Amino acid sequence: MSEPIRLPTKIAVLLRDDLVGWQRLNVTAFLVSGIAHAEPELLGDEYRDADGTAYLPMFRQPVLVFAGDRATLSDAHSRALARGLRLAVFTSELFATGNDRDNRAAVQAVGRDKLDLVGLALHAGRNVVDKVLKGATMHP
């Protein structure tokens, strides 16, 4: 068995702990798409099965999912922005929209400090992610 690989960075998603199951899955999927777009070098090569069927590439490293209350999410958001990190965000208003244009308009209509965040995602150095997500716990 090979040695585990310790990567210098983390991809992390922080979800508000009061979301129902379908919301947690939906928010996570949307948020990681932002990371993939912003940092395409995080994507590996195509997958192929033994029959040669090609499948889409995925991240080269795990995506860690955390949970926290409204305050934990707000604090993580503030710490990430203070460090100049780029984030993907998902606000409660996005559950009522049905397309990218309306999603962007819903976020743009609210000031940074008043966003009703239900999730965020980031990619950064391991220690930086740990500091940003202080107070969050691994998602059960």
C-alpha atoms as a PDB file:
ATOM      1  CA  MET A   1       0.000   0.000   0.000  1.00  0.00           C
ATOM      2  CA  SER A   2       1.370   3.423  -0.912  1.00  0.00           C
ATOM      3  CA  GLU A   3       1.952   6.263   1.527  1.00  0.00           C
ATOM      4  CA  PRO A   4      -0.916   8.765   1.843  1.00  0.00           C
ATOM      5  CA  ILE A   5      -0.318  12.010   0.011  1.00  0.00           C
ATOM      6  CA  ARG A   6      -0.391  15.129   2.198  1.00  0.00           C
ATOM      7  CA  LEU A   7      -1.468  18.006  -0.003  1.00  0.00           C
ATOM      8  CA  PRO A   8      -0.416  21.595   0.786  1.00  0.00           C
ATOM      9  CA  THR A   9      -3.910  22.964   0.113  1.00  0.00           C
ATOM     10  CA  LYS A  10      -7.533  22.251   0.991  1.00  0.00           C
ATOM     11  CA  ILE A  11     -10.783  22.588  -0.879  1.00  0.00           C
ATOM     12  CA  ALA A  12     -13.412  23.260   1.756  1.00  0.00           C
ATOM     13  CA  VAL A  13     -17.145  23.843   1.802  1.00  0.00           C
ATOM     14  CA  LEU A  14     -18.837  25.328   4.866  1.00  0.00           C
ATOM     15  CA  LEU A  15     -22.580  24.761   5.141  1.00  0.00           C
ATOM     16  CA  ARG A  16     -25.016  26.289   7.583  1.00  0.00           C
ATOM     17  CA  ASP A  17     -26.051  23.555   9.984  1.00  0.00           C
ATOM     18  CA  ASP A  18     -29.813  24.125   9.656  1.00  0.00           C
ATOM     19  CA  LEU A  19     -30.102  23.119   5.982  1.00  0.00           C
ATOM     20  CA  VAL A  20     -32.191  20.101   5.035  1.00  0.00           C
ATOM     21  CA  GLY A  21     -30.612  17.240   3.090  1.00  0.00           C
ATOM     22  CA  TRP A  22     -31.454  18.321  -0.457  1.00  0.00           C
ATOM     23  CA  GLN A  23     -30.284  21.876   0.324  1.00  0.00           C
ATOM     24  CA  ARG A  24     -26.905  20.645   1.646  1.00  0.00           C
ATOM     25  CA  LEU A  25     -26.335  18.636  -1.522  1.00  0.00           C
ATOM     26  CA  ASN A  26     -27.518  21.404  -3.837  1.00  0.00           C
ATOM     27  CA  VAL A  27     -25.434  24.104  -2.146  1.00  0.00           C
ATOM     28  CA  THR A  28     -22.317  21.904  -2.118  1.00  0.00           C
ATOM     29  CA  ALA A  29     -22.650  21.133  -5.829  1.00  0.00           C
ATOM     30  CA  PHE A  30     -23.061  24.790  -6.755  1.00  0.00           C
ATOM     31  CA  LEU A  31     -20.203  25.956  -4.545  1.00  0.00           C
ATOM     32  CA  VAL A  32     -17.619  23.465  -5.800  1.00  0.00           C
ATOM     33  CA  SER A  33     -18.460  24.388  -9.378  1.00  0.00           C
ATOM     34  CA  GLY A  34     -17.157  27.866  -8.519  1.00  0.00           C
ATOM     35  CA  ILE A  35     -13.880  26.426  -7.254  1.00  0.00           C
ATOM     36  CA  ALA A  36     -13.502  24.293 -10.400  1.00  0.00           C
ATOM     37  CA  HIS A  37     -14.076  27.333 -12.600  1.00  0.00           C
ATOM     38  CA  ALA A  38     -11.721  29.632 -10.682  1.00  0.00           C
ATOM     39  CA  GLU A  39      -8.932  27.074 -10.382  1.00  0.00           C
ATOM     40  CA  PRO A  40      -9.113  24.617 -13.296  1.00  0.00           C
ATOM     41  CA  GLU A  41      -5.621  23.332 -12.452  1.00  0.00           C
ATOM     42  CA  LEU A  42      -7.258  21.567  -9.492  1.00  0.00           C
ATOM     43  CA  LEU A  43      -8.967  19.216 -11.959  1.00  0.00           C
ATOM     44  CA  GLY A  44      -7.264  15.949 -12.802  1.00  0.00           C
ATOM     45  CA  ASP A  45      -7.298  14.030 -16.045  1.00  0.00           C
ATOM     46  CA  GLU A  46     -10.221  12.201 -17.603  1.00  0.00           C
ATOM     47  CA  TYR A  47     -11.181   8.895 -16.052  1.00  0.00           C
ATOM     48  CA  ARG A  48     -11.456   5.758 -18.182  1.00  0.00           C
ATOM     49  CA  ASP A  49     -12.882   2.391 -17.308  1.00  0.00           C
ATOM     50  CA  ALA A  50     -11.404  -0.919 -18.442  1.00  0.00           C
ATOM     51  CA  ASP A  51     -13.528  -0.772 -21.606  1.00  0.00           C
ATOM     52  CA  GLY A  52     -12.099   2.614 -22.590  1.00  0.00           C
ATOM     53  CA  THR A  53     -15.223   4.654 -21.802  1.00  0.00           C
ATOM     54  CA  ALA A  54     -14.191   8.220 -20.945  1.00  0.00           C
ATOM     55  CA  TYR A  55     -15.595  10.099 -17.930  1.00  0.00           C
ATOM     56  CA  LEU A  56     -15.228  13.712 -16.883  1.00  0.00           C
ATOM     57  CA  PRO A  57     -12.235  14.741 -14.788  1.00  0.00           C
ATOM     58  CA  MET A  58     -12.717  15.566 -11.109  1.00  0.00           C
ATOM     59  CA  PHE A  59     -10.744  17.439  -8.485  1.00  0.00           C
ATOM     60  CA  ARG A  60      -7.253  16.104  -7.798  1.00  0.00           C
ATOM     61  CA  GLN A  61      -7.887  16.319  -4.068  1.00  0.00           C
ATOM     62  CA  PRO A  62     -10.738  15.697  -1.646  1.00  0.00           C
ATOM     63  CA  VAL A  63     -13.400  18.287  -0.938  1.00  0.00           C
ATOM     64  CA  LEU A  64     -13.863  18.637   2.818  1.00  0.00           C
ATOM     65  CA  VAL A  65     -17.344  19.594   3.968  1.00  0.00           C
ATOM     66  CA  PHE A  66     -17.873  21.443   7.259  1.00  0.00           C
ATOM     67  CA  ALA A  67     -20.918  22.697   9.129  1.00  0.00           C
ATOM     68  CA  GLY A  68     -21.532  25.655  11.382  1.00  0.00           C
ATOM     69  CA  ASP A  69     -24.218  27.994  12.580  1.00  0.00           C
ATOM     70  CA  ARG A  70     -25.052  31.376  11.067  1.00  0.00           C
ATOM     71  CA  ALA A  71     -22.374  33.145  13.158  1.00  0.00           C
ATOM     72  CA  THR A  72     -19.680  30.626  12.195  1.00  0.00           C
ATOM     73  CA  LEU A  73     -20.490  31.155   8.516  1.00  0.00           C
ATOM     74  CA  SER A  74     -20.438  34.936   8.878  1.00  0.00           C
ATOM     75  CA  ASP A  75     -17.129  34.856  10.765  1.00  0.00           C
ATOM     76  CA  ALA A  76     -15.551  32.540   8.172  1.00  0.00           C
ATOM     77  CA  HIS A  77     -16.752  34.842   5.387  1.00  0.00           C
ATOM     78  CA  SER A  78     -15.181  37.867   7.097  1.00  0.00           C
ATOM     79  CA  ARG A  79     -11.887  36.079   7.817  1.00  0.00           C
ATOM     80  CA  ALA A  80     -11.617  34.838   4.223  1.00  0.00           C
ATOM     81  CA  LEU A  81     -12.238  38.294   2.760  1.00  0.00           C
ATOM     82  CA  ALA A  82      -9.776  39.868   5.209  1.00  0.00           C
ATOM     83  CA  ARG A  83      -7.142  37.460   3.857  1.00  0.00           C
ATOM     84  CA  GLY A  84      -7.986  38.371   0.259  1.00  0.00           C
ATOM     85  CA  LEU A  85      -9.295  34.914  -0.598  1.00  0.00           C
ATOM     86  CA  ARG A  86     -11.723  34.323  -3.432  1.00  0.00           C
ATOM     87  CA  LEU A  87     -14.890  32.562  -2.348  1.00  0.00           C
ATOM     88  CA  ALA A  88     -17.926  30.936  -3.822  1.00  0.00           C
ATOM     89  CA  VAL A  89     -21.027  31.932  -1.837  1.00  0.00           C
ATOM     90  CA  PHE A  90     -24.579  30.660  -1.693  1.00  0.00           C
ATOM     91  CA  THR A  91     -27.269  32.741   0.005  1.00  0.00           C
ATOM     92  CA  SER A  92     -30.725  31.698   1.171  1.00  0.00           C
ATOM     93  CA  GLU A  93     -32.295  33.766  -1.626  1.00  0.00           C
ATOM     94  CA  LEU A  94     -30.813  31.428  -4.237  1.00  0.00           C
ATOM     95  CA  PHE A  95     -33.216  28.658  -3.215  1.00  0.00           C
ATOM     96  CA  ALA A  96     -35.987  30.756  -4.806  1.00  0.00           C
ATOM     97  CA  THR A  97     -34.229  31.474  -8.111  1.00  0.00           C
ATOM     98  CA  GLY A  98     -33.954  29.165 -11.062  1.00  0.00           C
ATOM     99  CA  ASN A  99     -31.070  30.422 -13.157  1.00  0.00           C
ATOM    100  CA  ASP A 100     -27.615  31.982 -13.034  1.00  0.00           C
ATOM    101  CA  ARG A 101     -28.766  35.492 -13.996  1.00  0.00           C
ATOM    102  CA  ASP A 102     -31.276  35.629 -11.154  1.00  0.00           C
ATOM    103  CA  ASN A 103     -28.763  34.069  -8.745  1.00  0.00           C
ATOM    104  CA  ARG A 104     -26.205  36.778  -9.479  1.00  0.00           C
ATOM    105  CA  ALA A 105     -28.867  39.502  -9.187  1.00  0.00           C
ATOM    106  CA  ALA A 106     -29.993  38.146  -5.800  1.00  0.00           C
ATOM    107  CA  VAL A 107     -26.443  38.281  -4.423  1.00  0.00           C
ATOM    108  CA  GLN A 108     -25.777  41.698  -5.956  1.00  0.00           C
ATOM    109  CA  ALA A 109     -28.902  43.159  -4.297  1.00  0.00           C
ATOM    110  CA  VAL A 110     -27.460  42.675  -0.788  1.00  0.00           C
ATOM    111  CA  GLY A 111     -24.410  44.252   0.837  1.00  0.00           C
ATOM    112  CA  ARG A 112     -21.499  42.005   1.796  1.00  0.00           C
ATOM    113  CA  ASP A 113     -22.170  42.242   5.548  1.00  0.00           C
ATOM    114  CA  LYS A 114     -25.896  41.531   5.143  1.00  0.00           C
ATOM    115  CA  LEU A 115     -25.693  38.403   2.950  1.00  0.00           C
ATOM    116  CA  ASP A 116     -27.808  35.575   4.388  1.00  0.00           C
ATOM    117  CA  LEU A 117     -25.123  32.963   3.775  1.00  0.00           C
ATOM    118  CA  VAL A 118     -26.024  29.293   3.796  1.00  0.00           C
ATOM    119  CA  GLY A 119     -22.730  28.120   2.324  1.00  0.00           C
ATOM    120  CA  LEU A 120     -19.306  29.122   1.094  1.00  0.00           C
ATOM    121  CA  ALA A 121     -16.380  27.352  -0.526  1.00  0.00           C
ATOM    122  CA  LEU A 122     -12.704  28.151  -0.793  1.00  0.00           C
ATOM    123  CA  HIS A 123      -9.373  26.716  -1.824  1.00  0.00           C
ATOM    124  CA  ALA A 124      -6.233  27.825  -0.021  1.00  0.00           C
ATOM    125  CA  GLY A 125      -3.292  26.586   1.991  1.00  0.00           C
ATOM    126  CA  ARG A 126      -4.187  24.045   4.666  1.00  0.00           C
ATOM    127  CA  ASN A 127      -3.369  26.364   7.571  1.00  0.00           C
ATOM    128  CA  VAL A 128      -5.227  29.270   6.000  1.00  0.00           C
ATOM    129  CA  VAL A 129      -8.368  27.180   5.509  1.00  0.00           C
ATOM    130  CA  ASP A 130      -8.115  25.966   9.111  1.00  0.00           C
ATOM    131  CA  LYS A 131      -7.951  29.559  10.365  1.00  0.00           C
ATOM    132  CA  VAL A 132     -10.809  30.745   8.152  1.00  0.00           C
ATOM    133  CA  LEU A 133     -13.056  27.869   9.252  1.00  0.00           C
ATOM    134  CA  LYS A 134     -12.274  28.200  12.969  1.00  0.00           C
ATOM    135  CA  GLY A 135     -15.308  27.060  14.934  1.00  0.00           C
ATOM    136  CA  ALA A 136     -16.717  24.873  12.158  1.00  0.00           C
ATOM    137  CA  THR A 137     -16.931  21.100  12.499  1.00  0.00           C
ATOM    138  CA  MET A 138     -16.668  18.342   9.927  1.00  0.00           C
ATOM    139  CA  HIS A 139     -20.079  17.734   8.406  1.00  0.00           C
ATOM    140  CA  PRO A 140     -21.674  14.610   9.915  1.00  0.00           C
END
